[in-house]
Amino acid sequence: MELLVIILNKTELLKDVTCVLVEQGITKATVLDSEGLGQFLAYEIPIFAGLRSLVGETKSHNRTILSVIDEKDILPKLIKAFKEIELDFTQSGSGIIFTIPVNDAVKKDKA
């Protein structure tokens, strides 16, 4: 098992990203609103307000998608499919995608 993590900075592509996931057989995932630490510090912690010039004047959010999957080698397939919707994680500002091995998981399967 693997934990698939996608931190999507281009939130306008969220619907397209979820369609790609479903097309690749990933139908169970959690989508979270999220923000980077720099953004949080610059806008929520007054002592770090000077960071706004580095992170930008507008507060930005991203989406984090988590899914426990069985297929170990899914990442190259996903990267190829995402490039087809003009999402290239090697480009600055896109986000990041990675997997982490999951040793054990406890969940209730549907009967």
PDB file of N, CA and C in Angstrom:
ATOM      1  N   MET A   1       0.842  -1.184   0.000  1.00  0.00           N
ATOM      2  CA  MET A   1       0.000   0.000   0.000  1.00  0.00           C
ATOM      3  C   MET A   1       0.886   1.245   0.000  1.00  0.00           C
ATOM      4  N   GLU A   2       0.320   2.290  -0.579  1.00  0.00           N
ATOM      5  CA  GLU A   2       1.007   3.567  -0.656  1.00  0.00           C
ATOM      6  C   GLU A   2       0.042   4.680  -0.247  1.00  0.00           C
ATOM      7  N   LEU A   3       0.584   5.724   0.335  1.00  0.00           N
ATOM      8  CA  LEU A   3      -0.191   6.934   0.569  1.00  0.00           C
ATOM      9  C   LEU A   3       0.167   7.896  -0.544  1.00  0.00           C
ATOM     10  N   LEU A   4      -0.805   8.225  -1.373  1.00  0.00           N
ATOM     11  CA  LEU A   4      -0.630   9.206  -2.434  1.00  0.00           C
ATOM     12  C   LEU A   4      -0.936  10.580  -1.852  1.00  0.00           C
ATOM     13  N   VAL A   5      -0.011  11.510  -2.024  1.00  0.00           N
ATOM     14  CA  VAL A   5      -0.184  12.876  -1.541  1.00  0.00           C
ATOM     15  C   VAL A   5      -0.024  13.814  -2.730  1.00  0.00           C
ATOM     16  N   ILE A   6      -1.013  14.659  -2.929  1.00  0.00           N
ATOM     17  CA  ILE A   6      -0.941  15.694  -3.955  1.00  0.00           C
ATOM     18  C   ILE A   6      -1.225  17.016  -3.272  1.00  0.00           C
ATOM     19  N   ILE A   7      -0.273  17.927  -3.325  1.00  0.00           N
ATOM     20  CA  ILE A   7      -0.514  19.283  -2.850  1.00  0.00           C
ATOM     21  C   ILE A   7      -0.644  20.127  -4.110  1.00  0.00           C
ATOM     22  N   LEU A   8      -1.845  20.583  -4.370  1.00  0.00           N
ATOM     23  CA  LEU A   8      -2.191  21.255  -5.613  1.00  0.00           C
ATOM     24  C   LEU A   8      -2.273  22.759  -5.389  1.00  0.00           C
ATOM     25  N   ASN A   9      -1.318  23.480  -5.947  1.00  0.00           N
ATOM     26  CA  ASN A   9      -1.358  24.933  -5.856  1.00  0.00           C
ATOM     27  C   ASN A   9      -2.299  25.533  -6.885  1.00  0.00           C
ATOM     28  N   LYS A  10      -2.433  24.886  -8.022  1.00  0.00           N
ATOM     29  CA  LYS A  10      -3.326  25.365  -9.083  1.00  0.00           C
ATOM     30  C   LYS A  10      -4.722  24.812  -8.812  1.00  0.00           C
ATOM     31  N   THR A  11      -5.396  25.417  -7.839  1.00  0.00           N
ATOM     32  CA  THR A  11      -6.680  24.885  -7.375  1.00  0.00           C
ATOM     33  C   THR A  11      -7.761  24.924  -8.451  1.00  0.00           C
ATOM     34  N   GLU A  12      -7.579  25.753  -9.471  1.00  0.00           N
ATOM     35  CA  GLU A  12      -8.560  25.788 -10.563  1.00  0.00           C
ATOM     36  C   GLU A  12      -8.569  24.479 -11.342  1.00  0.00           C
ATOM     37  N   LEU A  13      -7.568  23.629 -11.147  1.00  0.00           N
ATOM     38  CA  LEU A  13      -7.504  22.332 -11.826  1.00  0.00           C
ATOM     39  C   LEU A  13      -8.035  21.184 -10.960  1.00  0.00           C
ATOM     40  N   LEU A  14      -8.618  21.494  -9.809  1.00  0.00           N
ATOM     41  CA  LEU A  14      -9.052  20.440  -8.886  1.00  0.00           C
ATOM     42  C   LEU A  14     -10.024  19.459  -9.542  1.00  0.00           C
ATOM     43  N   LYS A  15     -11.014  19.959 -10.268  1.00  0.00           N
ATOM     44  CA  LYS A  15     -11.975  19.049 -10.921  1.00  0.00           C
ATOM     45  C   LYS A  15     -11.265  18.144 -11.920  1.00  0.00           C
ATOM     46  N   ASP A  16     -10.348  18.710 -12.701  1.00  0.00           N
ATOM     47  CA  ASP A  16      -9.606  17.907 -13.677  1.00  0.00           C
ATOM     48  C   ASP A  16      -8.738  16.866 -12.981  1.00  0.00           C
ATOM     49  N   VAL A  17      -8.115  17.248 -11.885  1.00  0.00           N
ATOM     50  CA  VAL A  17      -7.264  16.325 -11.134  1.00  0.00           C
ATOM     51  C   VAL A  17      -8.094  15.169 -10.584  1.00  0.00           C
ATOM     52  N   THR A  18      -9.260  15.469 -10.030  1.00  0.00           N
ATOM     53  CA  THR A  18     -10.095  14.389  -9.490  1.00  0.00           C
ATOM     54  C   THR A  18     -10.590  13.475 -10.606  1.00  0.00           C
ATOM     55  N   CYS A  19     -10.866  14.030 -11.777  1.00  0.00           N
ATOM     56  CA  CYS A  19     -11.264  13.191 -12.918  1.00  0.00           C
ATOM     57  C   CYS A  19     -10.137  12.248 -13.315  1.00  0.00           C
ATOM     58  N   VAL A  20      -8.898  12.753 -13.337  1.00  0.00           N
ATOM     59  CA  VAL A  20      -7.743  11.909 -13.655  1.00  0.00           C
ATOM     60  C   VAL A  20      -7.615  10.789 -12.625  1.00  0.00           C
ATOM     61  N   LEU A  21      -7.779  11.120 -11.347  1.00  0.00           N
ATOM     62  CA  LEU A  21      -7.681  10.097 -10.307  1.00  0.00           C
ATOM     63  C   LEU A  21      -8.715   8.996 -10.519  1.00  0.00           C
ATOM     64  N   VAL A  22      -9.952   9.386 -10.792  1.00  0.00           N
ATOM     65  CA  VAL A  22     -11.010   8.395 -11.009  1.00  0.00           C
ATOM     66  C   VAL A  22     -10.708   7.547 -12.243  1.00  0.00           C
ATOM     67  N   GLU A  23     -10.226   8.177 -13.307  1.00  0.00           N
ATOM     68  CA  GLU A  23      -9.860   7.434 -14.514  1.00  0.00           C
ATOM     69  C   GLU A  23      -8.757   6.419 -14.248  1.00  0.00           C
ATOM     70  N   GLN A  24      -7.899   6.709 -13.272  1.00  0.00           N
ATOM     71  CA  GLN A  24      -6.812   5.793 -12.913  1.00  0.00           C
ATOM     72  C   GLN A  24      -7.231   4.790 -11.829  1.00  0.00           C
ATOM     73  N   GLY A  25      -8.509   4.782 -11.478  1.00  0.00           N
ATOM     74  CA  GLY A  25      -9.025   3.813 -10.517  1.00  0.00           C
ATOM     75  C   GLY A  25      -8.927   4.256  -9.066  1.00  0.00           C
ATOM     76  N   ILE A  26      -8.580   5.496  -8.835  1.00  0.00           N
ATOM     77  CA  ILE A  26      -8.492   6.013  -7.466  1.00  0.00           C
ATOM     78  C   ILE A  26      -9.803   6.728  -7.167  1.00  0.00           C
ATOM     79  N   THR A  27     -10.682   6.041  -6.465  1.00  0.00           N
ATOM     80  CA  THR A  27     -12.019   6.579  -6.211  1.00  0.00           C
ATOM     81  C   THR A  27     -12.243   6.987  -4.764  1.00  0.00           C
ATOM     82  N   LYS A  28     -11.302   6.655  -3.903  1.00  0.00           N
ATOM     83  CA  LYS A  28     -11.427   7.027  -2.489  1.00  0.00           C
ATOM     84  C   LYS A  28     -10.259   7.933  -2.130  1.00  0.00           C
ATOM     85  N   ALA A  29     -10.580   9.166  -1.790  1.00  0.00           N
ATOM     86  CA  ALA A  29      -9.552  10.135  -1.431  1.00  0.00           C
ATOM     87  C   ALA A  29     -10.164  11.181  -0.511  1.00  0.00           C
ATOM     88  N   THR A  30      -9.311  11.885   0.167  1.00  0.00           N
ATOM     89  CA  THR A  30      -9.726  13.002   1.013  1.00  0.00           C
ATOM     90  C   THR A  30      -9.116  14.263   0.424  1.00  0.00           C
ATOM     91  N   VAL A  31      -9.942  15.298   0.272  1.00  0.00           N
ATOM     92  CA  VAL A  31      -9.488  16.582  -0.256  1.00  0.00           C
ATOM     93  C   VAL A  31      -9.585  17.611   0.867  1.00  0.00           C
ATOM     94  N   LEU A  32      -8.451  18.232   1.166  1.00  0.00           N
ATOM     95  CA  LEU A  32      -8.376  19.190   2.269  1.00  0.00           C
ATOM     96  C   LEU A  32      -8.008  20.577   1.751  1.00  0.00           C
ATOM     97  N   ASP A  33      -8.582  21.622   2.355  1.00  0.00           N
ATOM     98  CA  ASP A  33      -8.090  22.978   2.141  1.00  0.00           C
ATOM     99  C   ASP A  33      -6.790  23.093   2.909  1.00  0.00           C
ATOM    100  N   SER A  34      -5.788  23.712   2.315  1.00  0.00           N
ATOM    101  CA  SER A  34      -4.500  23.832   2.992  1.00  0.00           C
ATOM    102  C   SER A  34      -3.792  25.107   2.551  1.00  0.00           C
ATOM    103  N   GLU A  35      -2.731  25.434   3.275  1.00  0.00           N
ATOM    104  CA  GLU A  35      -1.903  26.580   2.909  1.00  0.00           C
ATOM    105  C   GLU A  35      -0.489  26.306   3.364  1.00  0.00           C
ATOM    106  N   GLY A  36       0.463  26.913   2.684  1.00  0.00           N
ATOM    107  CA  GLY A  36       1.861  26.735   3.021  1.00  0.00           C
ATOM    108  C   GLY A  36       2.225  27.455   4.316  1.00  0.00           C
ATOM    109  N   LEU A  37       3.292  27.014   4.937  1.00  0.00           N
ATOM    110  CA  LEU A  37       3.728  27.602   6.199  1.00  0.00           C
ATOM    111  C   LEU A  37       4.085  29.075   6.028  1.00  0.00           C
ATOM    112  N   GLY A  38       4.738  29.427   4.927  1.00  0.00           N
ATOM    113  CA  GLY A  38       5.083  30.825   4.690  1.00  0.00           C
ATOM    114  C   GLY A  38       3.857  31.710   4.654  1.00  0.00           C
ATOM    115  N   GLN A  39       2.799  31.237   3.967  1.00  0.00           N
ATOM    116  CA  GLN A  39       1.540  31.985   3.917  1.00  0.00           C
ATOM    117  C   GLN A  39       0.947  32.124   5.308  1.00  0.00           C
ATOM    118  N   PHE A  40       0.924  31.040   6.052  1.00  0.00           N
ATOM    119  CA  PHE A  40       0.359  31.071   7.397  1.00  0.00           C
ATOM    120  C   PHE A  40       1.100  32.071   8.280  1.00  0.00           C
ATOM    121  N   LEU A  41       2.416  31.974   8.287  1.00  0.00           N
ATOM    122  CA  LEU A  41       3.201  32.875   9.126  1.00  0.00           C
ATOM    123  C   LEU A  41       3.001  34.332   8.726  1.00  0.00           C
ATOM    124  N   ALA A  42       3.008  34.600   7.430  1.00  0.00           N
ATOM    125  CA  ALA A  42       2.912  35.976   6.944  1.00  0.00           C
ATOM    126  C   ALA A  42       1.575  36.622   7.268  1.00  0.00           C
ATOM    127  N   TYR A  43       0.518  35.828   7.330  1.00  0.00           N
ATOM    128  CA  TYR A  43      -0.809  36.413   7.514  1.00  0.00           C
ATOM    129  C   TYR A  43      -1.433  36.161   8.876  1.00  0.00           C
ATOM    130  N   GLU A  44      -0.925  35.192   9.621  1.00  0.00           N
ATOM    131  CA  GLU A  44      -1.546  34.853  10.896  1.00  0.00           C
ATOM    132  C   GLU A  44      -0.678  35.184  12.116  1.00  0.00           C
ATOM    133  N   ILE A  45       0.606  35.311  11.936  1.00  0.00           N
ATOM    134  CA  ILE A  45       1.515  35.586  13.043  1.00  0.00           C
ATOM    135  C   ILE A  45       2.130  36.977  12.801  1.00  0.00           C
ATOM    136  N   PRO A  46       1.694  37.986  13.538  1.00  0.00           N
ATOM    137  CA  PRO A  46       2.107  39.373  13.266  1.00  0.00           C
ATOM    138  C   PRO A  46       3.618  39.594  13.186  1.00  0.00           C
ATOM    139  N   ILE A  47       4.379  38.888  13.971  1.00  0.00           N
ATOM    140  CA  ILE A  47       5.823  39.106  13.966  1.00  0.00           C
ATOM    141  C   ILE A  47       6.456  38.739  12.619  1.00  0.00           C
ATOM    142  N   PHE A  48       5.784  37.897  11.841  1.00  0.00           N
ATOM    143  CA  PHE A  48       6.303  37.465  10.543  1.00  0.00           C
ATOM    144  C   PHE A  48       5.640  38.193   9.371  1.00  0.00           C
ATOM    145  N   ALA A  49       4.941  39.282   9.632  1.00  0.00           N
ATOM    146  CA  ALA A  49       4.230  40.003   8.572  1.00  0.00           C
ATOM    147  C   ALA A  49       5.163  40.457   7.455  1.00  0.00           C
ATOM    148  N   GLY A  50       6.435  40.656   7.746  1.00  0.00           N
ATOM    149  CA  GLY A  50       7.406  41.037   6.725  1.00  0.00           C
ATOM    150  C   GLY A  50       7.572  39.996   5.635  1.00  0.00           C
ATOM    151  N   LEU A  51       7.158  38.764   5.911  1.00  0.00           N
ATOM    152  CA  LEU A  51       7.243  37.713   4.897  1.00  0.00           C
ATOM    153  C   LEU A  51       6.273  37.935   3.742  1.00  0.00           C
ATOM    154  N   ARG A  52       5.310  38.810   3.908  1.00  0.00           N
ATOM    155  CA  ARG A  52       4.328  39.042   2.845  1.00  0.00           C
ATOM    156  C   ARG A  52       4.991  39.470   1.548  1.00  0.00           C
ATOM    157  N   SER A  53       6.085  40.191   1.650  1.00  0.00           N
ATOM    158  CA  SER A  53       6.767  40.608   0.429  1.00  0.00           C
ATOM    159  C   SER A  53       7.379  39.410  -0.298  1.00  0.00           C
ATOM    160  N   LEU A  54       7.655  38.326   0.423  1.00  0.00           N
ATOM    161  CA  LEU A  54       8.212  37.123  -0.195  1.00  0.00           C
ATOM    162  C   LEU A  54       7.134  36.195  -0.737  1.00  0.00           C
ATOM    163  N   VAL A  55       6.011  36.082  -0.026  1.00  0.00           N
ATOM    164  CA  VAL A  55       4.972  35.129  -0.425  1.00  0.00           C
ATOM    165  C   VAL A  55       3.880  35.771  -1.266  1.00  0.00           C
ATOM    166  N   GLY A  56       3.847  37.079  -1.342  1.00  0.00           N
ATOM    167  CA  GLY A  56       2.831  37.767  -2.136  1.00  0.00           C
ATOM    168  C   GLY A  56       1.828  38.470  -1.255  1.00  0.00           C
ATOM    169  N   GLU A  57       1.233  39.491  -1.800  1.00  0.00           N
ATOM    170  CA  GLU A  57       0.300  40.313  -1.035  1.00  0.00           C
ATOM    171  C   GLU A  57      -1.059  39.654  -0.846  1.00  0.00           C
ATOM    172  N   THR A  58      -1.411  38.721  -1.711  1.00  0.00           N
ATOM    173  CA  THR A  58      -2.706  38.060  -1.544  1.00  0.00           C
ATOM    174  C   THR A  58      -2.501  36.701  -0.895  1.00  0.00           C
ATOM    175  N   LYS A  59      -3.373  36.390   0.004  1.00  0.00           N
ATOM    176  CA  LYS A  59      -3.294  35.114   0.712  1.00  0.00           C
ATOM    177  C   LYS A  59      -3.765  34.013  -0.227  1.00  0.00           C
ATOM    178  N   SER A  60      -2.943  33.006  -0.416  1.00  0.00           N
ATOM    179  CA  SER A  60      -3.312  31.925  -1.328  1.00  0.00           C
ATOM    180  C   SER A  60      -3.507  30.624  -0.556  1.00  0.00           C
ATOM    181  N   HIS A  61      -4.348  29.803  -1.104  1.00  0.00           N
ATOM    182  CA  HIS A  61      -4.613  28.490  -0.530  1.00  0.00           C
ATOM    183  C   HIS A  61      -4.283  27.438  -1.572  1.00  0.00           C
ATOM    184  N   ASN A  62      -4.156  26.220  -1.113  1.00  0.00           N
ATOM    185  CA  ASN A  62      -4.015  25.105  -2.028  1.00  0.00           C
ATOM    186  C   ASN A  62      -4.898  23.970  -1.531  1.00  0.00           C
ATOM    187  N   ARG A  63      -4.895  22.895  -2.248  1.00  0.00           N
ATOM    188  CA  ARG A  63      -5.667  21.718  -1.860  1.00  0.00           C
ATOM    189  C   ARG A  63      -4.706  20.556  -1.675  1.00  0.00           C
ATOM    190  N   THR A  64      -4.938  19.784  -0.650  1.00  0.00           N
ATOM    191  CA  THR A  64      -4.159  18.586  -0.413  1.00  0.00           C
ATOM    192  C   THR A  64      -5.074  17.383  -0.586  1.00  0.00           C
ATOM    193  N   ILE A  65      -4.645  16.462  -1.422  1.00  0.00           N
ATOM    194  CA  ILE A  65      -5.423  15.254  -1.708  1.00  0.00           C
ATOM    195  C   ILE A  65      -4.641  14.062  -1.159  1.00  0.00           C
ATOM    196  N   LEU A  66      -5.313  13.244  -0.352  1.00  0.00           N
ATOM    197  CA  LEU A  66      -4.705  12.064   0.259  1.00  0.00           C
ATOM    198  C   LEU A  66      -5.498  10.832  -0.146  1.00  0.00           C
ATOM    199  N   SER A  67      -4.786   9.776  -0.503  1.00  0.00           N
ATOM    200  CA  SER A  67      -5.465   8.527  -0.823  1.00  0.00           C
ATOM    201  C   SER A  67      -4.530   7.351  -0.545  1.00  0.00           C
ATOM    202  N   VAL A  68      -5.036   6.344   0.138  1.00  0.00           N
ATOM    203  CA  VAL A  68      -4.289   5.102   0.339  1.00  0.00           C
ATOM    204  C   VAL A  68      -4.626   4.204  -0.850  1.00  0.00           C
ATOM    205  N   ILE A  69      -3.598   3.811  -1.584  1.00  0.00           N
ATOM    206  CA  ILE A  69      -3.793   3.043  -2.812  1.00  0.00           C
ATOM    207  C   ILE A  69      -2.996   1.744  -2.753  1.00  0.00           C
ATOM    208  N   ASP A  70      -3.428   0.774  -3.545  1.00  0.00           N
ATOM    209  CA  ASP A  70      -2.740  -0.515  -3.589  1.00  0.00           C
ATOM    210  C   ASP A  70      -1.628  -0.549  -4.634  1.00  0.00           C
ATOM    211  N   GLU A  71      -1.788   0.210  -5.706  1.00  0.00           N
ATOM    212  CA  GLU A  71      -0.834   0.152  -6.819  1.00  0.00           C
ATOM    213  C   GLU A  71       0.439   0.923  -6.483  1.00  0.00           C
ATOM    214  N   LYS A  72       1.561   0.204  -6.456  1.00  0.00           N
ATOM    215  CA  LYS A  72       2.835   0.815  -6.075  1.00  0.00           C
ATOM    216  C   LYS A  72       3.389   1.765  -7.128  1.00  0.00           C
ATOM    217  N   ASP A  73       3.204   1.448  -8.383  1.00  0.00           N
ATOM    218  CA  ASP A  73       3.832   2.210  -9.462  1.00  0.00           C
ATOM    219  C   ASP A  73       2.850   3.131 -10.175  1.00  0.00           C
ATOM    220  N   ILE A  74       1.966   3.761  -9.447  1.00  0.00           N
ATOM    221  CA  ILE A  74       0.951   4.627 -10.037  1.00  0.00           C
ATOM    222  C   ILE A  74       1.505   6.002 -10.411  1.00  0.00           C
ATOM    223  N   LEU A  75       2.556   6.447  -9.750  1.00  0.00           N
ATOM    224  CA  LEU A  75       3.032   7.818  -9.925  1.00  0.00           C
ATOM    225  C   LEU A  75       3.370   8.175 -11.375  1.00  0.00           C
ATOM    226  N   PRO A  76       4.137   7.373 -12.113  1.00  0.00           N
ATOM    227  CA  PRO A  76       4.425   7.739 -13.510  1.00  0.00           C
ATOM    228  C   PRO A  76       3.153   7.867 -14.368  1.00  0.00           C
ATOM    229  N   LYS A  77       2.175   7.014 -14.119  1.00  0.00           N
ATOM    230  CA  LYS A  77       0.912   7.095 -14.865  1.00  0.00           C
ATOM    231  C   LYS A  77       0.178   8.398 -14.555  1.00  0.00           C
ATOM    232  N   LEU A  78       0.150   8.757 -13.287  1.00  0.00           N
ATOM    233  CA  LEU A  78      -0.523   9.986 -12.890  1.00  0.00           C
ATOM    234  C   LEU A  78       0.183  11.214 -13.459  1.00  0.00           C
ATOM    235  N   ILE A  79       1.496  11.229 -13.399  1.00  0.00           N
ATOM    236  CA  ILE A  79       2.258  12.371 -13.909  1.00  0.00           C
ATOM    237  C   ILE A  79       1.980  12.564 -15.402  1.00  0.00           C
ATOM    238  N   LYS A  80       1.949  11.467 -16.145  1.00  0.00           N
ATOM    239  CA  LYS A  80       1.655  11.541 -17.589  1.00  0.00           C
ATOM    240  C   LYS A  80       0.241  12.067 -17.823  1.00  0.00           C
ATOM    241  N   ALA A  81      -0.719  11.560 -17.072  1.00  0.00           N
ATOM    242  CA  ALA A  81      -2.112  11.998 -17.233  1.00  0.00           C
ATOM    243  C   ALA A  81      -2.282  13.462 -16.827  1.00  0.00           C
ATOM    244  N   PHE A  82      -1.586  13.895 -15.792  1.00  0.00           N
ATOM    245  CA  PHE A  82      -1.690  15.290 -15.362  1.00  0.00           C
ATOM    246  C   PHE A  82      -1.094  16.236 -16.401  1.00  0.00           C
ATOM    247  N   LYS A  83      -0.041  15.818 -17.082  1.00  0.00           N
ATOM    248  CA  LYS A  83       0.535  16.663 -18.129  1.00  0.00           C
ATOM    249  C   LYS A  83      -0.474  16.887 -19.259  1.00  0.00           C
ATOM    250  N   GLU A  84      -1.343  15.915 -19.489  1.00  0.00           N
ATOM    251  CA  GLU A  84      -2.372  16.051 -20.525  1.00  0.00           C
ATOM    252  C   GLU A  84      -3.393  17.130 -20.171  1.00  0.00           C
ATOM    253  N   ILE A  85      -3.560  17.429 -18.882  1.00  0.00           N
ATOM    254  CA  ILE A  85      -4.469  18.510 -18.483  1.00  0.00           C
ATOM    255  C   ILE A  85      -3.674  19.774 -18.130  1.00  0.00           C
ATOM    256  N   GLU A  86      -2.424  19.802 -18.615  1.00  0.00           N
ATOM    257  CA  GLU A  86      -1.529  20.950 -18.428  1.00  0.00           C
ATOM    258  C   GLU A  86      -1.181  21.213 -16.962  1.00  0.00           C
ATOM    259  N   LEU A  87      -0.984  20.120 -16.243  1.00  0.00           N
ATOM    260  CA  LEU A  87      -0.497  20.200 -14.871  1.00  0.00           C
ATOM    261  C   LEU A  87       0.837  19.469 -14.823  1.00  0.00           C
ATOM    262  N   ASP A  88       1.905  20.241 -14.712  1.00  0.00           N
ATOM    263  CA  ASP A  88       3.256  19.690 -14.714  1.00  0.00           C
ATOM    264  C   ASP A  88       3.898  20.033 -13.375  1.00  0.00           C
ATOM    265  N   PHE A  89       4.060  19.043 -12.535  1.00  0.00           N
ATOM    266  CA  PHE A  89       4.585  19.275 -11.196  1.00  0.00           C
ATOM    267  C   PHE A  89       6.066  19.670 -11.190  1.00  0.00           C
ATOM    268  N   THR A  90       6.739  19.597 -12.347  1.00  0.00           N
ATOM    269  CA  THR A  90       8.115  20.071 -12.407  1.00  0.00           C
ATOM    270  C   THR A  90       8.170  21.582 -12.610  1.00  0.00           C
ATOM    271  N   GLN A  91       7.026  22.201 -12.872  1.00  0.00           N
ATOM    272  CA  GLN A  91       6.964  23.645 -13.064  1.00  0.00           C
ATOM    273  C   GLN A  91       6.680  24.336 -11.727  1.00  0.00           C
ATOM    274  N   SER A  92       7.339  25.444 -11.516  1.00  0.00           N
ATOM    275  CA  SER A  92       7.164  26.210 -10.295  1.00  0.00           C
ATOM    276  C   SER A  92       5.710  26.641 -10.122  1.00  0.00           C
ATOM    277  N   GLY A  93       5.217  26.553  -8.898  1.00  0.00           N
ATOM    278  CA  GLY A  93       3.864  26.998  -8.593  1.00  0.00           C
ATOM    279  C   GLY A  93       2.779  25.960  -8.813  1.00  0.00           C
ATOM    280  N   SER A  94       3.144  24.773  -9.290  1.00  0.00           N
ATOM    281  CA  SER A  94       2.139  23.736  -9.540  1.00  0.00           C
ATOM    282  C   SER A  94       1.765  22.986  -8.275  1.00  0.00           C
ATOM    283  N   GLY A  95       2.764  22.679  -7.460  1.00  0.00           N
ATOM    284  CA  GLY A  95       2.542  21.888  -6.258  1.00  0.00           C
ATOM    285  C   GLY A  95       3.525  20.740  -6.216  1.00  0.00           C
ATOM    286  N   ILE A  96       3.121  19.662  -5.585  1.00  0.00           N
ATOM    287  CA  ILE A  96       3.989  18.488  -5.455  1.00  0.00           C
ATOM    288  C   ILE A  96       3.111  17.242  -5.409  1.00  0.00           C
ATOM    289  N   ILE A  97       3.651  16.164  -5.917  1.00  0.00           N
ATOM    290  CA  ILE A  97       2.976  14.864  -5.860  1.00  0.00           C
ATOM    291  C   ILE A  97       4.013  13.828  -5.432  1.00  0.00           C
ATOM    292  N   PHE A  98       3.628  12.954  -4.497  1.00  0.00           N
ATOM    293  CA  PHE A  98       4.540  11.902  -4.058  1.00  0.00           C
ATOM    294  C   PHE A  98       3.745  10.786  -3.397  1.00  0.00           C
ATOM    295  N   THR A  99       4.422   9.663  -3.201  1.00  0.00           N
ATOM    296  CA  THR A  99       3.832   8.546  -2.467  1.00  0.00           C
ATOM    297  C   THR A  99       4.755   8.183  -1.311  1.00  0.00           C
ATOM    298  N   ILE A 100       4.144   7.610  -0.283  1.00  0.00           N
ATOM    299  CA  ILE A 100       4.863   7.145   0.899  1.00  0.00           C
ATOM    300  C   ILE A 100       4.375   5.718   1.182  1.00  0.00           C
ATOM    301  N   PRO A 101       5.290   4.791   1.424  1.00  0.00           N
ATOM    302  CA  PRO A 101       4.850   3.438   1.759  1.00  0.00           C
ATOM    303  C   PRO A 101       4.011   3.421   3.036  1.00  0.00           C
ATOM    304  N   VAL A 102       2.966   2.624   3.024  1.00  0.00           N
ATOM    305  CA  VAL A 102       2.103   2.426   4.192  1.00  0.00           C
ATOM    306  C   VAL A 102       2.294   0.982   4.636  1.00  0.00           C
ATOM    307  N   ASN A 103       2.803   0.806   5.841  1.00  0.00           N
ATOM    308  CA  ASN A 103       3.048  -0.543   6.346  1.00  0.00           C
ATOM    309  C   ASN A 103       1.771  -1.224   6.800  1.00  0.00           C
ATOM    310  N   ASP A 104       0.959  -0.509   7.552  1.00  0.00           N
ATOM    311  CA  ASP A 104      -0.269  -1.073   8.085  1.00  0.00           C
ATOM    312  C   ASP A 104      -1.366  -0.022   8.043  1.00  0.00           C
ATOM    313  N   ALA A 105      -2.586  -0.477   7.861  1.00  0.00           N
ATOM    314  CA  ALA A 105      -3.739   0.431   7.918  1.00  0.00           C
ATOM    315  C   ALA A 105      -4.918  -0.350   8.476  1.00  0.00           C
ATOM    316  N   VAL A 106      -5.737   0.323   9.255  1.00  0.00           N
ATOM    317  CA  VAL A 106      -6.930  -0.288   9.812  1.00  0.00           C
ATOM    318  C   VAL A 106      -8.115   0.481   9.269  1.00  0.00           C
ATOM    319  N   LYS A 107      -9.015  -0.229   8.593  1.00  0.00           N
ATOM    320  CA  LYS A 107     -10.208   0.413   8.063  1.00  0.00           C
ATOM    321  C   LYS A 107     -11.305  -0.627   7.961  1.00  0.00           C
ATOM    322  N   LYS A 108     -12.525  -0.161   7.974  1.00  0.00           N
ATOM    323  CA  LYS A 108     -13.661  -1.054   7.824  1.00  0.00           C
ATOM    324  C   LYS A 108     -13.996  -1.161   6.358  1.00  0.00           C
ATOM    325  N   ASP A 109     -13.973  -2.372   5.851  1.00  0.00           N
ATOM    326  CA  ASP A 109     -14.378  -2.605   4.471  1.00  0.00           C
ATOM    327  C   ASP A 109     -15.891  -2.684   4.402  1.00  0.00           C
ATOM    328  N   LYS A 110     -16.428  -2.254   3.269  1.00  0.00           N
ATOM    329  CA  LYS A 110     -17.887  -2.354   3.084  1.00  0.00           C
ATOM    330  C   LYS A 110     -18.275  -3.821   2.976  1.00  0.00           C
ATOM    331  N   ALA A 111     -19.367  -4.151   3.604  1.00  0.00           N
ATOM    332  CA  ALA A 111     -19.814  -5.550   3.608  1.00  0.00           C
ATOM    333  C   ALA A 111     -20.549  -5.899   2.351  1.00  0.00           C
TER     334      ALA A 111
END
